[in-house]
Amino acid sequence: MEYTIPRIMIAGTNSGCGKTTITCSILQALINRGLKAGAFKCGPDYIDPMFHSRIIGAKASNLDSFFFSENTLNYLLAENSAGCDINIIEGVMGYYDGMGIDTTRASSCEIAGMTRSPVILAVNAKGASLSILAQISGFLHFSIGDKETSSGICGVILNQCTSATYAVLETAIRRYFNGQAEPLGYLPVLKECSLESRHLGLVTAGEIKDLREKMQILAQQAERTIELDRILQIAGDADSVHCEAISLPQFEQKIRVAVARDRAFCFYYEDSLDLLRKMGAELVPFSPLSDEALPSDVDGLYLGGGYPELYSGELASNHSMRQSVYKALVNGIPCIAECGGYMYLTEKIGSDPMVGYIRGNSFDTGKLSRFGYVTLTAEKDNLLCRKGQTIPAHEFHHWDSEDPGNAFTAAKSSGRSWSCVHASGRLYAGYPHFHFYANPAFGENFYRTCLEYRKENHLS
């Protein structure tokens, strides 16, 4: 199938250069114009899509070339961009940064190439002038190996730039690059719009009380100093996208899956959850922080990642919920618990008692632990797959467990590997995050096991 998808990618020179600020400012400005916008994030990040989603009023999706084949990547782009006037794809890290120093694998550059998306480079202009031209030149002409390839970069937006500096650099960029990369505007320093960070990146969108006000200030600034009409034109001229539809089983019998959704548990890939919905699942949100017990008549449990360590006292004090989750697990409810969700199932987070279904405590290592992309291989049959089956995954956490499990082996491209995940016929609980679209059979197996549980409990 061929799809016409108006789109651009906002890539960056590095993390912290202003990609998210520029992306949000453009998205909000276009929404304010009455346009329907789609939003995407390169890579496995959960937090930036939350900001995008708050702005567009709909889900934002991840495009990850380690998780997905080229066809799946373009299928998710096509499906989630349907009916949109423009789609903004935010890059990850620096444009060429991927899985190593000698490859662009899993980089924004690779995703731009796979999706044939025009790229606008975000450059932080603070404390520089002529050096900015050198940066742009380097990104335009950089290549790995002997093969010369097009960067896909067609424009530049400067962040933390004064109007006077931009007036000079705009002329210089046009003269020096002669149309290879055109200047498309700038954002000045806007201290009132700064977004706070913590150990896993930005704070979540739900934690910023004045987020709407900040986004409107950014949008007003974008209308003044970013070439929005030209960006719309570039997006509209993007090449068509080719992909085949992904077929999923449709189950006649429905299941109900309880999904933890609150300040402590908010890291989910929305397309991954949608895969379960397409099969026939009803996803029932609940809060381990404030609800007294799991929702009634549920056939499965999904505890996503997040920041349970920040709310461990509140989680511990909710005795009835902890007891409800424990009883459900003892009764055999199928459960996926990723990262923070897994920590909730251990005996303690720090000194605060948790569900206690999995032995061992969770503790703060003070640094990133086992960070990055991995391939998971099952060491035994389990809830999601048979022994020997694999799925791409990602780890990103400061906390660790006294017993991280041994049901899977996680292997990095460097050759390093380690044991991880507690798993059984009804459980997946571990630090690695995964996406059902990376291997839809995992989602199908989860669904079938939930059906078995429903029959065992004579629910209809």
Foldseek 3Di string as FASTA:
>chain_A
DWFQAQEAEEFEQFPPLCLLLLVLLLLQLVVVVVFQEAEEEQDQDQFSQLSVCVRRVHGHFYQWQVLDPLQLSLQVVRVRRPPGLYYYYYFDTHQQDDQDPQHSHRGVQVSCVSFQHAYEYEGECPPHAVVVVVSVVCQQFDDHPDDGDGSSYQEYEYEQDDPVRCVVRQVVCCVVVVRSYHYFWYYHDDPVLDFDADQQGTQHPVVDPCNVVSSVVSNVRCVVTGNSVVSSVSSSPGDIGDHDHDDDAADPDEFEEEEEDDQFFPGDRVVLVVSLVRNHYHYHYDHLQPDLATDPRHLAYEGHGHHCLVVLVSSLVSVNHLQRVLVCVVLQRFYEAAASRLQQCEQEEVPRGHSHNHYWHKYFQPHWDPFFKWKKAFCADFQQGGHGDIGIWGATDRIDTPDQAARIWTARPVGDIDGGFDGHHRYTHGHIDHGCNSPVSSVVSNRVSSVVSCVVVVHD
